[in-house]
Structure formats: structure tokens, C-alpha cells
Amino acid sequence: MYIVGIVGRVYYNKDNQKIVQTHEAVRRYIDSNNGLVAITILPTEDYYHGMTDGSDELNFKKINYVLDKCDAFIVPGGTYAYNLDQYVIKYAIKKDKPLLAICLGFQVMCSMFAKDRTKFDMTERVGGIHYGNGDEYAHNVEIEEGTLLSDIIGKNRIAVNSVHNDVVNFEINDLVINAKAEDGFIEGVEYPNKRFILGVQWHPEYLIDDNSKKILSQFIKKIKHK
């Protein structure tokens, strides 16, 4: 049995209480595959105490205990980025465990390797092709040849959905840019020379078309075949 850790996201319920939730579409897809089980990477100590500034405290002994048990990770979409997102991404790269970063997770991954980290402050709001319905195509992305994403998809252009308000339009170090939108904004990145460290701006878990299935299937294949 392989364990996929999914970073939990904080939301407010109708009583204005903070609730840590797991993206159901992500969990459902993982649990639908034989030999895989999804767990939520939950708060440690004073984690998620600052909803407005994205601040949190990590108990490294506790969080490392959880991460050590996981065989792979998903950093999903959401509204606020926290230190835990970055910590899980760094851990996956260091330990060479498969990682799929989606939407906000992708943005966090890009911000970690930004040439100038002040360029990404999550305040730039965009519309048009960058915000729509997760179940529908919004625009095309051009895929760079010779990349992991290109090997997975086998095409140089695909249609994707788009459910995000922030964009990645700054210089990045170390990561390989593997996809861009028609307006030039970065839509996909990967970390070279690792088993599977991939970030995409769109939501393959919502779309579940042939291209999305290829990404998710390859992620799962890398988990099961070390």
C-alpha cells in the first residue's frame, strides 16, 4: 500500500469556524486506484493561525514524522499559501518523492524559485482566459519539447481549464518551464533530474480528459515503480 499525502486547506464554515479540508476530487481520484490511500497532511501546533497573511508555525518533528510515512505528495489549489506548502515541496525534492503541485501549489512552487521573490505577492488579479469553470476548457497551453510534461502528453499544444486569479509571470531559477498560456504566462514547471516533480496551473483532477488522465496516471505510476 502506498500513501499519498495531500496538503489540507483551511476554510470557514457557516459558523465562521476554521475547518481543515481535503480537496475531494483529488482524494477521490487517489483512493480510486488500487494500492493507493490518500491522507490529509494536517496542522501542527499553531499552524494556519494567520488567514490573511499566509503565516503558520511548523513543528518540524511532527511534520517530518508524517511526511516520512508518505510515498508521494499533492499540493492542491486553494486561496492562501502557507509555509507548509513550501516545506512539503522542498521535502519532496530533497527525498525525490513524486510531487504534483496544482494551481496554488504550482504558484507556490514557482515563487520558491523566483529570481526575485518580491515579484510574487498574490495580489495581481486577472480575468479573461485565466478564470472559468473547472469542468470546461478555457484556453490552450503550448508545451515545451524535451520536458517531462511533453513526454507524458505527447503533444505540443493542449486545451486546459483555468480557475485561478493569480498568474506566474516572473523569472524562475532551477525549475524547467514546460508550458505557457497563449498570453505568455507560465502554466507548467518541473524540477529536473527527479522522478516526478511537476507543477501545473490548471486542474487535471477536475477536467479528467485524456491529457489529465495521462498526467495523473504517470504520477501514480512513479509512486508504484520506485
Protein backbone atom coordinates (compact mmCIF):
# COMPACT_ATOMS: atom_id res chain seq x y z
CA MET A 1 0.00 0.00 0.00
CA TYR A 2 1.30 3.46 -0.97
CA ILE A 3 0.39 6.64 0.89
CA VAL A 4 -0.22 9.92 -0.92
CA GLY A 5 -0.17 12.95 1.37
CA ILE A 6 -2.47 15.82 0.34
CA VAL A 7 -1.88 19.19 1.96
CA GLY A 8 -5.06 20.26 3.77
CA ARG A 9 -6.64 23.64 3.14
CA VAL A 10 -8.36 25.87 5.71
CA TYR A 11 -11.82 27.23 5.03
CA TYR A 12 -14.51 28.81 7.19
CA ASN A 13 -17.80 27.01 7.71
CA LYS A 14 -21.17 28.73 8.11
CA ASP A 15 -20.44 29.27 11.82
CA ASN A 16 -17.20 31.04 10.94
CA GLN A 17 -15.12 28.17 12.32
CA LYS A 18 -11.85 27.21 10.66
CA ILE A 19 -12.06 23.76 9.11
CA VAL A 20 -9.16 21.87 7.52
CA GLN A 21 -10.40 20.16 4.38
CA THR A 22 -9.05 17.91 1.64
CA HIS A 23 -9.94 18.55 -1.98
CA GLU A 24 -12.48 15.83 -2.67
CA ALA A 25 -11.71 15.48 -6.38
CA VAL A 26 -8.05 14.84 -5.55
CA ARG A 27 -8.81 12.41 -2.72
CA ARG A 28 -11.38 10.53 -4.77
CA TYR A 29 -9.00 10.01 -7.67
CA ILE A 30 -6.21 8.73 -5.44
CA ASP A 31 -8.47 6.40 -3.47
CA SER A 32 -9.97 5.01 -6.70
CA ASN A 33 -6.61 3.49 -7.60
CA ASN A 34 -5.74 0.09 -6.21
CA GLY A 35 -2.79 0.10 -3.85
CA LEU A 36 -3.05 3.82 -3.02
CA VAL A 37 -4.51 5.56 0.00
CA ALA A 38 -4.86 9.32 0.47
CA ILE A 39 -4.21 11.08 3.76
CA THR A 40 -4.56 14.74 4.65
CA ILE A 41 -1.43 16.48 5.90
CA LEU A 42 -2.94 18.24 8.89
CA PRO A 43 -1.92 21.23 11.01
CA THR A 44 0.91 21.04 13.51
CA GLU A 45 0.90 23.25 16.60
CA ASP A 46 -0.01 26.87 15.76
CA TYR A 47 -0.33 26.14 12.05
CA TYR A 48 -2.75 28.21 9.92
CA HIS A 49 -3.17 30.92 12.55
CA GLY A 50 -2.97 33.74 10.02
CA MET A 51 -5.55 33.51 7.27
CA THR A 52 -4.81 36.95 5.86
CA ASP A 53 -1.02 36.87 5.66
CA GLY A 54 -0.49 33.17 4.99
CA SER A 55 1.60 32.67 8.12
CA ASP A 56 1.90 29.49 10.13
CA GLU A 57 4.14 27.67 12.60
CA LEU A 58 5.53 24.22 11.87
CA ASN A 59 6.50 21.59 14.41
CA PHE A 60 9.22 20.00 12.32
CA LYS A 61 9.43 16.82 14.39
CA LYS A 62 5.72 16.17 13.95
CA ILE A 63 5.50 17.14 10.29
CA ASN A 64 8.60 15.13 9.37
CA TYR A 65 7.08 12.08 11.04
CA VAL A 66 4.04 12.41 8.79
CA LEU A 67 5.98 13.19 5.61
CA ASP A 68 8.35 10.26 6.17
CA LYS A 69 5.33 7.93 6.04
CA CYS A 70 4.18 9.29 2.67
CA ASP A 71 5.32 7.90 -0.66
CA ALA A 72 4.19 10.94 -2.67
CA PHE A 73 2.52 14.33 -2.28
CA ILE A 74 -0.10 16.57 -3.82
CA VAL A 75 -0.08 20.30 -3.04
CA PRO A 76 -3.55 21.29 -4.27
CA GLY A 77 -5.26 24.52 -5.20
CA GLY A 78 -6.56 26.96 -2.63
CA THR A 79 -6.76 30.60 -1.63
CA TYR A 80 -3.82 31.18 0.73
CA ALA A 81 -0.27 29.87 0.61
CA TYR A 82 1.44 28.73 3.81
CA ASN A 83 4.87 27.67 4.94
CA LEU A 84 3.70 24.06 4.93
CA ASP A 85 3.20 24.19 1.16
CA GLN A 86 6.81 25.21 0.67
CA TYR A 87 8.06 22.72 3.24
CA VAL A 88 6.31 19.78 1.54
CA ILE A 89 7.65 20.82 -1.87
CA LYS A 90 11.21 21.13 -0.52
CA TYR A 91 10.87 17.78 1.23
CA ALA A 92 9.64 16.04 -1.94
CA ILE A 93 12.54 17.43 -3.97
CA LYS A 94 15.13 16.53 -1.33
CA LYS A 95 13.80 12.99 -0.85
CA ASP A 96 12.95 12.55 -4.55
CA LYS A 97 9.37 11.54 -3.82
CA PRO A 98 6.76 12.18 -6.54
CA LEU A 99 5.03 15.54 -6.21
CA LEU A 100 2.12 17.03 -8.14
CA ALA A 101 1.53 20.73 -7.43
CA ILE A 102 -1.79 22.06 -8.71
CA CYS A 103 -2.87 25.71 -9.20
CA LEU A 104 -1.94 27.38 -5.89
CA GLY A 105 0.55 24.59 -5.27
CA PHE A 106 2.09 25.36 -8.66
CA GLN A 107 2.24 29.07 -7.82
CA VAL A 108 3.96 28.33 -4.51
CA MET A 109 6.47 26.12 -6.27
CA CYS A 110 7.25 28.88 -8.76
CA SER A 111 7.54 31.52 -6.04
CA MET A 112 10.10 29.38 -4.18
CA PHE A 113 12.39 29.52 -7.19
CA ALA A 114 11.61 33.07 -8.31
CA LYS A 115 14.65 35.08 -9.27
CA ASP A 116 13.09 37.95 -7.32
CA ARG A 117 10.61 36.64 -4.73
CA THR A 118 9.01 40.07 -4.30
CA LYS A 119 7.55 39.66 -7.79
CA PHE A 120 5.02 37.14 -6.50
CA ASP A 121 2.78 38.62 -3.80
CA MET A 122 -0.57 37.06 -4.81
CA THR A 123 -2.17 40.44 -5.37
CA GLU A 124 -2.33 40.53 -9.18
CA ARG A 125 -5.84 39.60 -10.21
CA VAL A 126 -6.62 38.55 -13.74
CA GLY A 127 -9.73 37.50 -15.58
CA GLY A 128 -10.43 36.51 -19.14
CA ILE A 129 -8.90 33.18 -20.09
CA HIS A 130 -7.49 32.68 -16.58
CA TYR A 131 -10.73 32.24 -14.72
CA GLY A 132 -13.56 29.99 -15.70
CA ASN A 133 -15.30 26.73 -14.87
CA GLY A 134 -13.12 23.83 -13.78
CA ASP A 135 -15.18 21.42 -15.89
CA GLU A 136 -14.67 23.36 -19.12
CA TYR A 137 -11.76 24.31 -21.36
CA ALA A 138 -10.62 27.91 -21.01
CA HIS A 139 -7.56 28.25 -23.25
CA ASN A 140 -4.65 26.40 -24.84
CA VAL A 141 -1.14 25.91 -23.49
CA GLU A 142 1.99 25.37 -25.51
CA ILE A 143 4.16 22.53 -24.21
CA GLU A 144 7.94 22.64 -24.47
CA GLU A 145 9.56 19.71 -26.26
CA GLY A 146 12.06 17.62 -24.33
CA THR A 147 10.32 18.10 -21.00
CA LEU A 148 8.70 15.61 -18.63
CA LEU A 149 5.30 17.11 -19.45
CA SER A 150 5.93 16.71 -23.17
CA ASP A 151 6.90 13.06 -22.66
CA ILE A 152 3.70 12.48 -20.69
CA ILE A 153 1.28 14.27 -23.01
CA GLY A 154 2.92 13.58 -26.37
CA LYS A 155 1.61 16.84 -27.85
CA ASN A 156 2.89 20.40 -28.21
CA ARG A 157 -0.49 22.04 -27.52
CA ILE A 158 -3.44 21.09 -25.33
CA ALA A 159 -6.62 22.74 -24.06
CA VAL A 160 -6.86 23.24 -20.28
CA ASN A 161 -9.30 24.59 -17.72
CA SER A 162 -8.45 27.65 -15.67
CA VAL A 163 -9.69 28.50 -12.18
CA HIS A 164 -7.25 30.99 -10.70
CA ASN A 165 -6.87 34.70 -10.10
CA ASP A 166 -3.09 34.94 -9.77
CA VAL A 167 -0.55 34.39 -12.52
CA VAL A 168 3.11 33.45 -12.75
CA ASN A 169 4.87 35.99 -14.94
CA PHE A 170 8.29 36.35 -13.32
CA GLU A 171 11.73 34.85 -13.90
CA ILE A 172 12.37 31.46 -12.34
CA ASN A 173 15.64 29.76 -11.42
CA ASP A 174 16.33 25.99 -11.36
CA LEU A 175 12.85 24.91 -12.49
CA VAL A 176 12.21 23.95 -16.12
CA ILE A 177 9.29 25.84 -17.65
CA ASN A 178 7.32 23.25 -19.62
CA ALA A 179 4.11 25.07 -20.57
CA LYS A 180 2.88 28.58 -21.25
CA ALA A 181 -0.54 30.06 -21.95
CA GLU A 182 -1.31 31.88 -25.17
CA ASP A 183 -0.68 35.21 -23.44
CA GLY A 184 2.79 34.13 -22.29
CA PHE A 185 2.03 33.42 -18.62
CA ILE A 186 3.74 30.31 -17.24
CA GLU A 187 1.38 27.35 -16.85
CA GLY A 188 3.68 24.44 -16.04
CA VAL A 189 7.05 23.73 -14.42
CA GLU A 190 9.11 20.74 -13.39
CA TYR A 191 12.24 20.08 -11.35
CA PRO A 192 14.91 18.38 -13.48
CA ASN A 193 16.58 15.06 -12.77
CA LYS A 194 13.94 13.84 -10.33
CA ARG A 195 11.40 11.00 -10.62
CA PHE A 196 8.35 13.26 -10.84
CA ILE A 197 8.28 16.86 -9.55
CA LEU A 198 5.62 18.58 -11.64
CA GLY A 199 3.52 21.70 -11.22
CA VAL A 200 0.60 22.80 -13.41
CA GLN A 201 -1.58 25.87 -13.22
CA TRP A 202 -4.71 24.07 -14.38
CA HIS A 203 -6.77 21.43 -12.57
CA PRO A 204 -6.41 17.97 -14.14
CA GLU A 205 -8.43 16.45 -11.27
CA TYR A 206 -11.49 18.49 -12.34
CA LEU A 207 -11.15 18.09 -16.09
CA ILE A 208 -10.29 14.36 -16.24
CA ASP A 209 -9.90 14.38 -20.03
CA ASP A 210 -7.34 12.22 -21.84
CA ASN A 211 -4.47 14.64 -21.16
CA SER A 212 -5.39 15.00 -17.49
CA LYS A 213 -5.54 11.22 -17.14
CA LYS A 214 -2.06 10.95 -18.64
CA ILE A 215 -0.65 13.33 -16.02
CA LEU A 216 -2.41 11.66 -13.10
CA SER A 217 -1.61 8.16 -14.35
CA GLN A 218 2.08 8.96 -14.73
CA PHE A 219 2.14 10.43 -11.23
CA ILE A 220 0.65 7.19 -9.88
CA LYS A 221 2.99 5.06 -11.98
CA LYS A 222 6.00 6.84 -10.48
CA ILE A 223 4.65 6.15 -6.98
CA LYS A 224 4.31 2.43 -7.60
CA HIS A 225 7.57 1.99 -9.51
CA LYS A 226 10.42 3.42 -7.48
